[in-house]
Each structure stands twice: as structure tokens, then as C-alpha cells.
């Protein structure tokens, strides 16, 4: 932790109501839009109020002698984090995953605005615990998990980090062609793309794949491991489907060579706007990252 006084960075995301108002203009138009689709405006409004009240409460808890900054999820790629930051992610679990790749060891306190607004895996804390957690995190006197992340690095040096998973494939999720190199095995595939999941991500997208394929993996969020899945690989004269899945460890990375003419992408944790281009000839090395997410647990 830096010798400077801590700065609290409050990370939030746009509420459903805010997004709908930006799209439709007025409250009345939003209400009509939702009711025409069998949805209840008051429920969306209630979630918006809970989030806004939680933001107001969190701001009031910041020690007056500390500095403060606020950033929305959509602006994370333009925000500059400092070494002395204590990051408060106020929202659902996905918000923590979205911001993890922008950090370099700063502690993250995941806070849920309401117990019925998420699973609370990455945002386990309630607002009542926040003042104590901020104080302790500011002096580095707090229990934290070092959650493993996965890294994709192109041959040219560009790289992308993920806390949950990486997607490698076509931006429209149509058929993607590529060559896999994993250990001594090599295969050309045509599939719906690849997912590379960490232990944290095993409860998300990877869980649905494991349920469908019965290729089950179980390891901890702090374990230096990741697993890859080829989504619906198509066996044909040219393409194979043997390398459907595999465990990536520190000495066992995965290499993928793109054979996608146009539209190949690599993105992390569901943020499709922040991606690496993966068109024909691009080669990516996928491995467990040295970087870790420092997630405050107590």
C-alpha cells in the first residue's frame, strides 16, 4: 500500500432504469415499453432507487480526510487507478469481474446494494460492513483472496486479462476456424468459439458448458489453473473435435492460431466492446496470469 492517504474509488454500473430512460426519453415512454412486454415498471424503479440510495450511503461513509472518485463500468477503460486506491464495487458480481483487469493489486471490496440483487459471490458485503472494511483495507489490515486470472497475449504483445473467462472466436458468435496447440496435441477446429475459464468463472458461463457436456472441473478461485472449452466443435474432413477441453496450468499454456477471415475477437468477462482483434494469422498464447485480483473477504 502506498504511503499516500487512500483514495476510495466507487465503481458502479448504469441501472436498468437509467439505460431505459436514455433509450426512450421519458418515464411515460419507459412505462409503456415495459408494460407492452409484460414487465412491471415499479420493479425496475425499485431496483433503481435501491441502487441510488446505496450509492448515496456509500459516499457518506468515506473518511473525510481521504480522497474520493467515482466511475461507471462503461468508463473503466478510460479511468486511471492509483496504487493507493481502495476500490469499492457496488453492484452485482459481474461488476467485480468487469473491473479486475484494470487493477494492479489494489484491494477490492465487493458490496451488494440488497441481498436479493445478486448471488453475492464477488460482492458478499452489505453496506453496514463498509466503513470498517474501508478503514482496514486502507491500512492493508484486511483478509483478502488472491483470485487467479487468465491472460491472452498476442504474438505482437497486446494482452487481455480476465477474472471469469475469455472468449476467443467470431464477434457474432458464428462459426470460427482456428488451430489449437495444447501440449503435444494439435488440431484444426471449426466451432462456435472457445471459452477459457478460471476457478472464479467455473460458477458462470463455464458452468453451463460443463452441464451440457458433462466435462466437469473443480478447482479453487485462488488456484493457478484455468480450463478451456471448444463450443460445439464440428467434426468434418478438415476439422476435428478431439481437443474439446483441457486444463491450463502454469507449465501447460494453450496456443491458438486464427483462421478467421474477418471478425475474429478475444474479449474478457462479457465486455465485448473491449477486445483484441483475432483475424487470420493472429496467434494468441493463453495462460494463467501473474496478476491476481485482491478481493477483500473480511
C-alpha atoms as a PDB file:
ATOM      1  CA  UNK A   1       0.000   0.000   0.000  1.00  0.00           C
ATOM      2  CA  UNK A   2       1.234   3.482  -0.861  1.00  0.00           C
ATOM      3  CA  UNK A   3       2.347   5.906   1.879  1.00  0.00           C
ATOM      4  CA  UNK A   4      -0.220   8.364   0.497  1.00  0.00           C
ATOM      5  CA  UNK A   5      -3.625   8.600   2.106  1.00  0.00           C
ATOM      6  CA  UNK A   6      -6.002   6.130   0.496  1.00  0.00           C
ATOM      7  CA  UNK A   7      -8.408   7.132  -2.220  1.00  0.00           C
ATOM      8  CA  UNK A   8     -11.786   5.422  -2.343  1.00  0.00           C
ATOM      9  CA  UNK A   9     -12.876   4.608  -5.892  1.00  0.00           C
ATOM     10  CA  UNK A  10     -16.564   3.782  -6.081  1.00  0.00           C
ATOM     11  CA  UNK A  11     -17.370   1.649  -9.123  1.00  0.00           C
ATOM     12  CA  UNK A  12     -20.975   1.300 -10.242  1.00  0.00           C
ATOM     13  CA  UNK A  13     -22.874   0.472 -13.392  1.00  0.00           C
ATOM     14  CA  UNK A  14     -25.821   2.121 -15.075  1.00  0.00           C
ATOM     15  CA  UNK A  15     -29.148   0.959 -13.681  1.00  0.00           C
ATOM     16  CA  UNK A  16     -31.824  -0.607 -15.862  1.00  0.00           C
ATOM     17  CA  UNK A  17     -33.976   2.490 -15.467  1.00  0.00           C
ATOM     18  CA  UNK A  18     -31.179   4.863 -16.450  1.00  0.00           C
ATOM     19  CA  UNK A  19     -30.483   2.829 -19.571  1.00  0.00           C
ATOM     20  CA  UNK A  20     -34.177   2.723 -20.478  1.00  0.00           C
ATOM     21  CA  UNK A  21     -34.580   6.479 -19.968  1.00  0.00           C
ATOM     22  CA  UNK A  22     -31.558   7.143 -22.170  1.00  0.00           C
ATOM     23  CA  UNK A  23     -33.120   4.977 -24.845  1.00  0.00           C
ATOM     24  CA  UNK A  24     -36.779   6.067 -24.633  1.00  0.00           C
ATOM     25  CA  UNK A  25     -36.549   9.609 -23.305  1.00  0.00           C
ATOM     26  CA  UNK A  26     -39.314   9.870 -20.707  1.00  0.00           C
ATOM     27  CA  UNK A  27     -40.675   7.929 -17.768  1.00  0.00           C
ATOM     28  CA  UNK A  28     -44.015   7.513 -19.530  1.00  0.00           C
ATOM     29  CA  UNK A  29     -42.428   6.011 -22.616  1.00  0.00           C
ATOM     30  CA  UNK A  30     -40.390   3.619 -20.482  1.00  0.00           C
ATOM     31  CA  UNK A  31     -43.500   2.545 -18.585  1.00  0.00           C
ATOM     32  CA  UNK A  32     -45.355   1.919 -21.865  1.00  0.00           C
ATOM     33  CA  UNK A  33     -42.396  -0.004 -23.299  1.00  0.00           C
ATOM     34  CA  UNK A  34     -42.200  -2.299 -20.268  1.00  0.00           C
ATOM     35  CA  UNK A  35     -45.945  -2.849 -19.897  1.00  0.00           C
ATOM     36  CA  UNK A  36     -46.249  -3.761 -23.592  1.00  0.00           C
ATOM     37  CA  UNK A  37     -43.793  -6.582 -22.886  1.00  0.00           C
ATOM     38  CA  UNK A  38     -45.488  -7.820 -19.741  1.00  0.00           C
ATOM     39  CA  UNK A  39     -42.969  -6.228 -17.382  1.00  0.00           C
ATOM     40  CA  UNK A  40     -43.655  -4.092 -14.324  1.00  0.00           C
ATOM     41  CA  UNK A  41     -42.228  -0.584 -14.269  1.00  0.00           C
ATOM     42  CA  UNK A  42     -42.387  -0.354 -10.473  1.00  0.00           C
ATOM     43  CA  UNK A  43     -39.961  -3.263 -10.102  1.00  0.00           C
ATOM     44  CA  UNK A  44     -37.389  -1.545 -12.303  1.00  0.00           C
ATOM     45  CA  UNK A  45     -37.964   1.701 -10.439  1.00  0.00           C
ATOM     46  CA  UNK A  46     -37.496  -0.014  -7.080  1.00  0.00           C
ATOM     47  CA  UNK A  47     -34.162  -1.539  -8.123  1.00  0.00           C
ATOM     48  CA  UNK A  48     -33.050   1.884  -9.359  1.00  0.00           C
ATOM     49  CA  UNK A  49     -33.978   3.504  -6.042  1.00  0.00           C
ATOM     50  CA  UNK A  50     -32.164   0.801  -4.031  1.00  0.00           C
ATOM     51  CA  UNK A  51     -29.008   1.307  -6.092  1.00  0.00           C
ATOM     52  CA  UNK A  52     -29.137   5.097  -5.841  1.00  0.00           C
ATOM     53  CA  UNK A  53     -29.742   5.020  -2.099  1.00  0.00           C
ATOM     54  CA  UNK A  54     -26.820   2.611  -1.689  1.00  0.00           C
ATOM     55  CA  UNK A  55     -24.518   4.908  -3.677  1.00  0.00           C
ATOM     56  CA  UNK A  56     -25.514   7.876  -1.517  1.00  0.00           C
ATOM     57  CA  UNK A  57     -24.906   5.871   1.655  1.00  0.00           C
ATOM     58  CA  UNK A  58     -21.520   4.587   0.455  1.00  0.00           C
ATOM     59  CA  UNK A  59     -20.321   8.098  -0.371  1.00  0.00           C
ATOM     60  CA  UNK A  60     -21.258   9.292   3.120  1.00  0.00           C
ATOM     61  CA  UNK A  61     -19.129   6.521   4.644  1.00  0.00           C
ATOM     62  CA  UNK A  62     -15.852   7.653   3.033  1.00  0.00           C
ATOM     63  CA  UNK A  63     -13.479   9.025   5.696  1.00  0.00           C
ATOM     64  CA  UNK A  64     -13.467  12.826   5.273  1.00  0.00           C
ATOM     65  CA  UNK A  65      -9.670  13.027   5.170  1.00  0.00           C
ATOM     66  CA  UNK A  66      -9.459  10.596   2.223  1.00  0.00           C
ATOM     67  CA  UNK A  67      -9.924  11.475  -1.419  1.00  0.00           C
ATOM     68  CA  UNK A  68     -12.744  10.032  -3.480  1.00  0.00           C
ATOM     69  CA  UNK A  69     -13.537   9.195  -7.092  1.00  0.00           C
ATOM     70  CA  UNK A  70     -16.497   7.566  -8.819  1.00  0.00           C
ATOM     71  CA  UNK A  71     -16.523   5.711 -12.126  1.00  0.00           C
ATOM     72  CA  UNK A  72     -19.160   3.788 -14.062  1.00  0.00           C
ATOM     73  CA  UNK A  73     -18.431   0.436 -15.649  1.00  0.00           C
ATOM     74  CA  UNK A  74     -18.587   1.857 -19.163  1.00  0.00           C
ATOM     75  CA  UNK A  75     -15.765   4.310 -18.390  1.00  0.00           C
ATOM     76  CA  UNK A  76     -13.339   1.882 -16.747  1.00  0.00           C
ATOM     77  CA  UNK A  77     -11.090   1.654 -19.813  1.00  0.00           C
ATOM     78  CA  UNK A  78     -10.513   5.438 -19.572  1.00  0.00           C
ATOM     79  CA  UNK A  79     -10.099   5.673 -15.815  1.00  0.00           C
ATOM     80  CA  UNK A  80      -6.676   5.916 -14.153  1.00  0.00           C
ATOM     81  CA  UNK A  81      -6.325   3.856 -10.981  1.00  0.00           C
ATOM     82  CA  UNK A  82      -3.626   4.817  -8.443  1.00  0.00           C
ATOM     83  CA  UNK A  83      -1.551   2.496  -6.212  1.00  0.00           C
ATOM     84  CA  UNK A  84      -3.174   3.929  -3.052  1.00  0.00           C
ATOM     85  CA  UNK A  85      -6.741   3.216  -4.225  1.00  0.00           C
ATOM     86  CA  UNK A  86      -9.243   1.159  -2.287  1.00  0.00           C
ATOM     87  CA  UNK A  87     -11.866   0.072  -4.785  1.00  0.00           C
ATOM     88  CA  UNK A  88     -15.492  -0.354  -3.761  1.00  0.00           C
ATOM     89  CA  UNK A  89     -17.558  -2.237  -6.342  1.00  0.00           C
ATOM     90  CA  UNK A  90     -21.204  -1.521  -5.555  1.00  0.00           C
ATOM     91  CA  UNK A  91     -23.497  -3.796  -7.512  1.00  0.00           C
ATOM     92  CA  UNK A  92     -23.727  -7.379  -8.706  1.00  0.00           C
ATOM     93  CA  UNK A  93     -20.906  -9.915  -9.009  1.00  0.00           C
ATOM     94  CA  UNK A  94     -20.247  -9.153 -12.673  1.00  0.00           C
ATOM     95  CA  UNK A  95     -19.109  -5.651 -11.799  1.00  0.00           C
ATOM     96  CA  UNK A  96     -16.068  -7.021  -9.936  1.00  0.00           C
ATOM     97  CA  UNK A  97     -15.157  -9.196 -12.908  1.00  0.00           C
ATOM     98  CA  UNK A  98     -15.516  -6.222 -15.244  1.00  0.00           C
ATOM     99  CA  UNK A  99     -13.020  -4.065 -13.342  1.00  0.00           C
ATOM    100  CA  UNK A 100     -10.457  -6.720 -12.332  1.00  0.00           C
ATOM    101  CA  UNK A 101      -8.351  -6.434 -15.496  1.00  0.00           C
ATOM    102  CA  UNK A 102      -7.761  -2.711 -14.913  1.00  0.00           C
ATOM    103  CA  UNK A 103      -6.214  -3.155 -11.462  1.00  0.00           C
ATOM    104  CA  UNK A 104      -2.679  -3.851 -10.264  1.00  0.00           C
ATOM    105  CA  UNK A 105      -3.127  -5.240  -6.776  1.00  0.00           C
ATOM    106  CA  UNK A 106      -5.472  -2.612  -5.318  1.00  0.00           C
ATOM    107  CA  UNK A 107      -7.899  -4.134  -2.789  1.00  0.00           C
ATOM    108  CA  UNK A 108     -11.479  -4.545  -3.974  1.00  0.00           C
ATOM    109  CA  UNK A 109     -14.453  -4.504  -1.605  1.00  0.00           C
ATOM    110  CA  UNK A 110     -17.493  -6.021  -3.291  1.00  0.00           C
ATOM    111  CA  UNK A 111     -20.729  -4.633  -1.884  1.00  0.00           C
ATOM    112  CA  UNK A 112     -24.255  -5.652  -2.823  1.00  0.00           C
ATOM    113  CA  UNK A 113     -26.948  -2.950  -2.517  1.00  0.00           C
ATOM    114  CA  UNK A 114     -29.517  -5.561  -1.483  1.00  0.00           C
ATOM    115  CA  UNK A 115     -29.330  -9.248  -0.622  1.00  0.00           C
ATOM    116  CA  UNK A 116     -31.878 -10.116  -3.321  1.00  0.00           C
ATOM    117  CA  UNK A 117     -29.987  -8.368  -6.147  1.00  0.00           C
ATOM    118  CA  UNK A 118     -27.317 -10.972  -6.861  1.00  0.00           C
ATOM    119  CA  UNK A 119     -25.532 -14.120  -5.784  1.00  0.00           C
ATOM    120  CA  UNK A 120     -23.001 -12.253  -3.644  1.00  0.00           C
ATOM    121  CA  UNK A 121     -20.021 -14.401  -4.649  1.00  0.00           C
ATOM    122  CA  UNK A 122     -17.817 -11.426  -5.521  1.00  0.00           C
ATOM    123  CA  UNK A 123     -19.958  -8.826  -3.734  1.00  0.00           C
ATOM    124  CA  UNK A 124     -20.505 -10.562  -0.373  1.00  0.00           C
ATOM    125  CA  UNK A 125     -20.604  -7.494   1.866  1.00  0.00           C
ATOM    126  CA  UNK A 126     -23.525  -5.360   2.955  1.00  0.00           C
ATOM    127  CA  UNK A 127     -23.355  -1.596   3.367  1.00  0.00           C
ATOM    128  CA  UNK A 128     -23.125  -1.864   7.162  1.00  0.00           C
ATOM    129  CA  UNK A 129     -19.720  -3.526   6.891  1.00  0.00           C
ATOM    130  CA  UNK A 130     -18.307  -0.934   4.503  1.00  0.00           C
ATOM    131  CA  UNK A 131     -16.898   1.715   6.921  1.00  0.00           C
ATOM    132  CA  UNK A 132     -14.817  -0.856   8.820  1.00  0.00           C
ATOM    133  CA  UNK A 133     -13.671  -2.599   5.647  1.00  0.00           C
ATOM    134  CA  UNK A 134     -12.571   0.671   4.038  1.00  0.00           C
ATOM    135  CA  UNK A 135     -10.550   1.655   7.100  1.00  0.00           C
ATOM    136  CA  UNK A 136      -8.861  -1.734   7.306  1.00  0.00           C
ATOM    137  CA  UNK A 137      -8.226  -2.003   3.589  1.00  0.00           C
ATOM    138  CA  UNK A 138      -6.714   1.483   3.660  1.00  0.00           C
ATOM    139  CA  UNK A 139      -4.046   0.264   6.092  1.00  0.00           C
ATOM    140  CA  UNK A 140      -3.677  -3.134   4.410  1.00  0.00           C
ATOM    141  CA  UNK A 141      -5.003  -4.802   7.558  1.00  0.00           C
ATOM    142  CA  UNK A 142      -7.668  -6.914   5.951  1.00  0.00           C
ATOM    143  CA  UNK A 143      -8.173 -10.513   4.885  1.00  0.00           C
ATOM    144  CA  UNK A 144      -8.202 -10.875   1.117  1.00  0.00           C
ATOM    145  CA  UNK A 145      -8.259 -13.583  -1.520  1.00  0.00           C
ATOM    146  CA  UNK A 146      -5.704 -13.536  -4.338  1.00  0.00           C
ATOM    147  CA  UNK A 147      -8.052 -14.691  -7.092  1.00  0.00           C
ATOM    148  CA  UNK A 148      -6.381 -16.172 -10.147  1.00  0.00           C
ATOM    149  CA  UNK A 149      -6.828 -14.579 -13.558  1.00  0.00           C
ATOM    150  CA  UNK A 150      -6.241 -15.787 -17.085  1.00  0.00           C
ATOM    151  CA  UNK A 151      -4.266 -13.891 -19.727  1.00  0.00           C
ATOM    152  CA  UNK A 152      -4.376 -13.852 -23.513  1.00  0.00           C
ATOM    153  CA  UNK A 153      -1.270 -12.417 -25.209  1.00  0.00           C
ATOM    154  CA  UNK A 154      -0.972 -11.943 -28.932  1.00  0.00           C
ATOM    155  CA  UNK A 155       2.315 -12.531 -30.744  1.00  0.00           C
ATOM    156  CA  UNK A 156       2.595  -8.752 -31.202  1.00  0.00           C
ATOM    157  CA  UNK A 157       2.478  -8.146 -27.451  1.00  0.00           C
ATOM    158  CA  UNK A 158      -1.101  -6.946 -26.901  1.00  0.00           C
ATOM    159  CA  UNK A 159      -2.745  -8.696 -23.983  1.00  0.00           C
ATOM    160  CA  UNK A 160      -6.049  -9.034 -22.169  1.00  0.00           C
ATOM    161  CA  UNK A 161      -6.814 -10.242 -18.638  1.00  0.00           C
ATOM    162  CA  UNK A 162      -9.969 -11.942 -17.366  1.00  0.00           C
ATOM    163  CA  UNK A 163     -11.218 -12.857 -13.922  1.00  0.00           C
ATOM    164  CA  UNK A 164     -14.068 -15.115 -15.070  1.00  0.00           C
ATOM    165  CA  UNK A 165     -13.407 -16.123 -18.657  1.00  0.00           C
ATOM    166  CA  UNK A 166     -12.036 -15.238 -22.056  1.00  0.00           C
ATOM    167  CA  UNK A 167     -13.978 -15.701 -25.263  1.00  0.00           C
ATOM    168  CA  UNK A 168     -11.999 -16.486 -28.430  1.00  0.00           C
ATOM    169  CA  UNK A 169     -13.968 -16.627 -31.664  1.00  0.00           C
ATOM    170  CA  UNK A 170     -16.075 -14.583 -34.065  1.00  0.00           C
ATOM    171  CA  UNK A 171     -17.632 -11.360 -32.798  1.00  0.00           C
ATOM    172  CA  UNK A 172     -21.088 -12.507 -33.976  1.00  0.00           C
ATOM    173  CA  UNK A 173     -20.593 -15.949 -32.357  1.00  0.00           C
ATOM    174  CA  UNK A 174     -20.887 -17.592 -35.774  1.00  0.00           C
ATOM    175  CA  UNK A 175     -18.534 -20.378 -36.827  1.00  0.00           C
ATOM    176  CA  UNK A 176     -14.894 -19.673 -36.001  1.00  0.00           C
ATOM    177  CA  UNK A 177     -11.915 -21.514 -37.508  1.00  0.00           C
ATOM    178  CA  UNK A 178      -8.597 -21.840 -35.708  1.00  0.00           C
ATOM    179  CA  UNK A 179      -5.745 -24.203 -34.896  1.00  0.00           C
ATOM    180  CA  UNK A 180      -5.174 -25.367 -31.327  1.00  0.00           C
ATOM    181  CA  UNK A 181      -1.831 -26.349 -29.859  1.00  0.00           C
ATOM    182  CA  UNK A 182      -2.075 -27.862 -26.388  1.00  0.00           C
ATOM    183  CA  UNK A 183       0.890 -29.855 -25.151  1.00  0.00           C
ATOM    184  CA  UNK A 184       1.816 -32.298 -27.884  1.00  0.00           C
ATOM    185  CA  UNK A 185      -1.650 -32.221 -29.423  1.00  0.00           C
ATOM    186  CA  UNK A 186      -2.581 -30.039 -32.369  1.00  0.00           C
ATOM    187  CA  UNK A 187      -5.946 -29.739 -34.101  1.00  0.00           C
ATOM    188  CA  UNK A 188      -7.776 -27.566 -36.601  1.00  0.00           C
ATOM    189  CA  UNK A 189     -11.292 -26.781 -35.407  1.00  0.00           C
ATOM    190  CA  UNK A 190     -14.458 -25.101 -36.567  1.00  0.00           C
ATOM    191  CA  UNK A 191     -16.673 -24.200 -33.630  1.00  0.00           C
ATOM    192  CA  UNK A 192     -18.798 -21.500 -32.011  1.00  0.00           C
ATOM    193  CA  UNK A 193     -15.632 -20.210 -30.372  1.00  0.00           C
ATOM    194  CA  UNK A 194     -13.687 -21.057 -27.243  1.00  0.00           C
ATOM    195  CA  UNK A 195     -14.168 -20.244 -23.573  1.00  0.00           C
ATOM    196  CA  UNK A 196     -11.217 -20.178 -21.161  1.00  0.00           C
ATOM    197  CA  UNK A 197     -12.376 -20.102 -17.545  1.00  0.00           C
ATOM    198  CA  UNK A 198     -10.694 -19.515 -14.187  1.00  0.00           C
ATOM    199  CA  UNK A 199     -11.803 -21.059 -10.914  1.00  0.00           C
ATOM    200  CA  UNK A 200     -13.933 -17.968 -10.333  1.00  0.00           C
ATOM    201  CA  UNK A 201     -15.544 -18.420 -13.739  1.00  0.00           C
ATOM    202  CA  UNK A 202     -16.491 -22.041 -13.088  1.00  0.00           C
ATOM    203  CA  UNK A 203     -19.685 -20.750 -11.459  1.00  0.00           C
ATOM    204  CA  UNK A 204     -20.643 -18.751 -14.570  1.00  0.00           C
ATOM    205  CA  UNK A 205     -20.520 -19.382 -18.317  1.00  0.00           C
ATOM    206  CA  UNK A 206     -18.311 -22.434 -17.840  1.00  0.00           C
ATOM    207  CA  UNK A 207     -20.893 -23.990 -15.537  1.00  0.00           C
ATOM    208  CA  UNK A 208     -23.485 -24.062 -18.302  1.00  0.00           C
ATOM    209  CA  UNK A 209     -20.955 -25.637 -20.687  1.00  0.00           C
ATOM    210  CA  UNK A 210     -19.994 -28.286 -18.136  1.00  0.00           C
ATOM    211  CA  UNK A 211     -23.662 -29.055 -17.519  1.00  0.00           C
ATOM    212  CA  UNK A 212     -24.265 -29.546 -21.239  1.00  0.00           C
ATOM    213  CA  UNK A 213     -21.078 -31.500 -21.998  1.00  0.00           C
ATOM    214  CA  UNK A 214     -20.549 -33.320 -18.677  1.00  0.00           C
ATOM    215  CA  UNK A 215     -16.892 -32.311 -18.831  1.00  0.00           C
ATOM    216  CA  UNK A 216     -16.623 -31.322 -15.180  1.00  0.00           C
ATOM    217  CA  UNK A 217     -13.781 -29.445 -13.489  1.00  0.00           C
ATOM    218  CA  UNK A 218     -13.461 -28.293  -9.903  1.00  0.00           C
ATOM    219  CA  UNK A 219     -10.681 -26.112  -8.531  1.00  0.00           C
ATOM    220  CA  UNK A 220     -10.473 -23.066  -6.319  1.00  0.00           C
ATOM    221  CA  UNK A 221     -10.638 -19.408  -7.246  1.00  0.00           C
ATOM    222  CA  UNK A 222      -7.080 -18.904  -5.992  1.00  0.00           C
ATOM    223  CA  UNK A 223      -5.636 -21.930  -7.796  1.00  0.00           C
ATOM    224  CA  UNK A 224      -3.248 -21.140 -10.658  1.00  0.00           C
ATOM    225  CA  UNK A 225      -5.366 -23.053 -13.142  1.00  0.00           C
ATOM    226  CA  UNK A 226      -7.771 -22.428 -15.996  1.00  0.00           C
ATOM    227  CA  UNK A 227      -9.774 -24.655 -18.301  1.00  0.00           C
ATOM    228  CA  UNK A 228     -10.649 -24.272 -21.979  1.00  0.00           C
ATOM    229  CA  UNK A 229     -13.761 -25.461 -23.769  1.00  0.00           C
ATOM    230  CA  UNK A 230     -14.362 -25.558 -27.513  1.00  0.00           C
ATOM    231  CA  UNK A 231     -18.022 -24.692 -28.024  1.00  0.00           C
ATOM    232  CA  UNK A 232     -19.763 -27.173 -30.321  1.00  0.00           C
ATOM    233  CA  UNK A 233     -16.694 -28.203 -32.363  1.00  0.00           C
ATOM    234  CA  UNK A 234     -17.748 -29.566 -35.768  1.00  0.00           C
ATOM    235  CA  UNK A 235     -16.032 -32.767 -36.932  1.00  0.00           C
ATOM    236  CA  UNK A 236     -15.510 -32.874 -40.709  1.00  0.00           C
ATOM    237  CA  UNK A 237     -12.871 -33.828 -43.266  1.00  0.00           C
ATOM    238  CA  UNK A 238     -10.932 -30.683 -42.434  1.00  0.00           C
ATOM    239  CA  UNK A 239     -11.809 -30.040 -38.791  1.00  0.00           C
ATOM    240  CA  UNK A 240     -11.569 -32.156 -35.678  1.00  0.00           C
ATOM    241  CA  UNK A 241     -13.323 -32.331 -32.326  1.00  0.00           C
ATOM    242  CA  UNK A 242     -10.890 -34.225 -30.096  1.00  0.00           C
ATOM    243  CA  UNK A 243      -9.431 -31.226 -28.247  1.00  0.00           C
ATOM    244  CA  UNK A 244     -12.751 -30.200 -26.764  1.00  0.00           C
ATOM    245  CA  UNK A 245     -11.388 -29.266 -23.353  1.00  0.00           C
ATOM    246  CA  UNK A 246      -8.205 -29.196 -21.284  1.00  0.00           C
ATOM    247  CA  UNK A 247      -6.694 -27.946 -18.048  1.00  0.00           C
ATOM    248  CA  UNK A 248      -4.303 -24.996 -18.395  1.00  0.00           C
ATOM    249  CA  UNK A 249      -1.667 -24.860 -15.663  1.00  0.00           C
ATOM    250  CA  UNK A 250       1.455 -22.786 -15.118  1.00  0.00           C
ATOM    251  CA  UNK A 251       3.569 -25.104 -17.273  1.00  0.00           C
ATOM    252  CA  UNK A 252       0.800 -26.013 -19.738  1.00  0.00           C
ATOM    253  CA  UNK A 253      -0.410 -22.982 -21.747  1.00  0.00           C
ATOM    254  CA  UNK A 254      -2.704 -23.029 -24.769  1.00  0.00           C
ATOM    255  CA  UNK A 255      -1.807 -21.587 -28.189  1.00  0.00           C
ATOM    256  CA  UNK A 256      -4.450 -20.684 -30.749  1.00  0.00           C
ATOM    257  CA  UNK A 257      -3.813 -19.636 -34.359  1.00  0.00           C
ATOM    258  CA  UNK A 258      -6.649 -17.774 -36.062  1.00  0.00           C
ATOM    259  CA  UNK A 259      -8.089 -18.907 -39.366  1.00  0.00           C
ATOM    260  CA  UNK A 260     -10.944 -16.398 -39.204  1.00  0.00           C
ATOM    261  CA  UNK A 261     -11.000 -14.228 -42.323  1.00  0.00           C
ATOM    262  CA  UNK A 262     -12.642 -11.252 -40.614  1.00  0.00           C
ATOM    263  CA  UNK A 263     -14.394 -10.544 -37.322  1.00  0.00           C
ATOM    264  CA  UNK A 264     -12.198 -12.606 -35.016  1.00  0.00           C
ATOM    265  CA  UNK A 265     -12.102 -11.260 -31.465  1.00  0.00           C
ATOM    266  CA  UNK A 266     -10.900 -12.035 -27.964  1.00  0.00           C
ATOM    267  CA  UNK A 267     -12.823 -10.388 -25.138  1.00  0.00           C
ATOM    268  CA  UNK A 268     -12.937 -10.803 -21.372  1.00  0.00           C
ATOM    269  CA  UNK A 269     -15.723 -11.198 -18.832  1.00  0.00           C
ATOM    270  CA  UNK A 270     -18.531 -10.353 -21.218  1.00  0.00           C
ATOM    271  CA  UNK A 271     -17.244  -6.892 -22.215  1.00  0.00           C
ATOM    272  CA  UNK A 272     -17.423  -7.235 -25.994  1.00  0.00           C
ATOM    273  CA  UNK A 273     -16.526  -3.577 -26.633  1.00  0.00           C
ATOM    274  CA  UNK A 274     -13.035  -4.014 -25.161  1.00  0.00           C
ATOM    275  CA  UNK A 275     -11.424  -6.686 -27.320  1.00  0.00           C
ATOM    276  CA  UNK A 276      -8.324  -7.866 -29.125  1.00  0.00           C
ATOM    277  CA  UNK A 277      -8.613  -8.411 -32.869  1.00  0.00           C
ATOM    278  CA  UNK A 278      -8.119 -12.071 -33.799  1.00  0.00           C
ATOM    279  CA  UNK A 279      -8.275 -12.242 -37.582  1.00  0.00           C
ATOM    280  CA  UNK A 280      -6.449 -14.639 -39.928  1.00  0.00           C
ATOM    281  CA  UNK A 281      -2.848 -15.318 -38.893  1.00  0.00           C
ATOM    282  CA  UNK A 282      -3.082 -13.843 -35.409  1.00  0.00           C
ATOM    283  CA  UNK A 283      -1.634 -16.127 -32.742  1.00  0.00           C
ATOM    284  CA  UNK A 284      -2.513 -15.978 -29.069  1.00  0.00           C
ATOM    285  CA  UNK A 285      -0.909 -17.612 -26.057  1.00  0.00           C
ATOM    286  CA  UNK A 286      -3.374 -18.273 -23.238  1.00  0.00           C
ATOM    287  CA  UNK A 287      -2.026 -18.901 -19.746  1.00  0.00           C
ATOM    288  CA  UNK A 288      -2.631 -18.289 -16.071  1.00  0.00           C
ATOM    289  CA  UNK A 289      -1.730 -14.656 -15.405  1.00  0.00           C
ATOM    290  CA  UNK A 290       0.801 -13.444 -12.892  1.00  0.00           C
ATOM    291  CA  UNK A 291      -1.670 -10.711 -11.926  1.00  0.00           C
ATOM    292  CA  UNK A 292      -4.222 -11.503  -9.230  1.00  0.00           C
ATOM    293  CA  UNK A 293      -7.397  -9.835  -8.033  1.00  0.00           C
ATOM    294  CA  UNK A 294      -7.112  -8.815  -4.385  1.00  0.00           C
ATOM    295  CA  UNK A 295     -10.679  -9.400  -3.192  1.00  0.00           C
ATOM    296  CA  UNK A 296     -11.456  -8.337   0.373  1.00  0.00           C
ATOM    297  CA  UNK A 297     -13.294 -11.115   2.228  1.00  0.00           C
ATOM    298  CA  UNK A 298     -13.222  -9.934   5.844  1.00  0.00           C
END
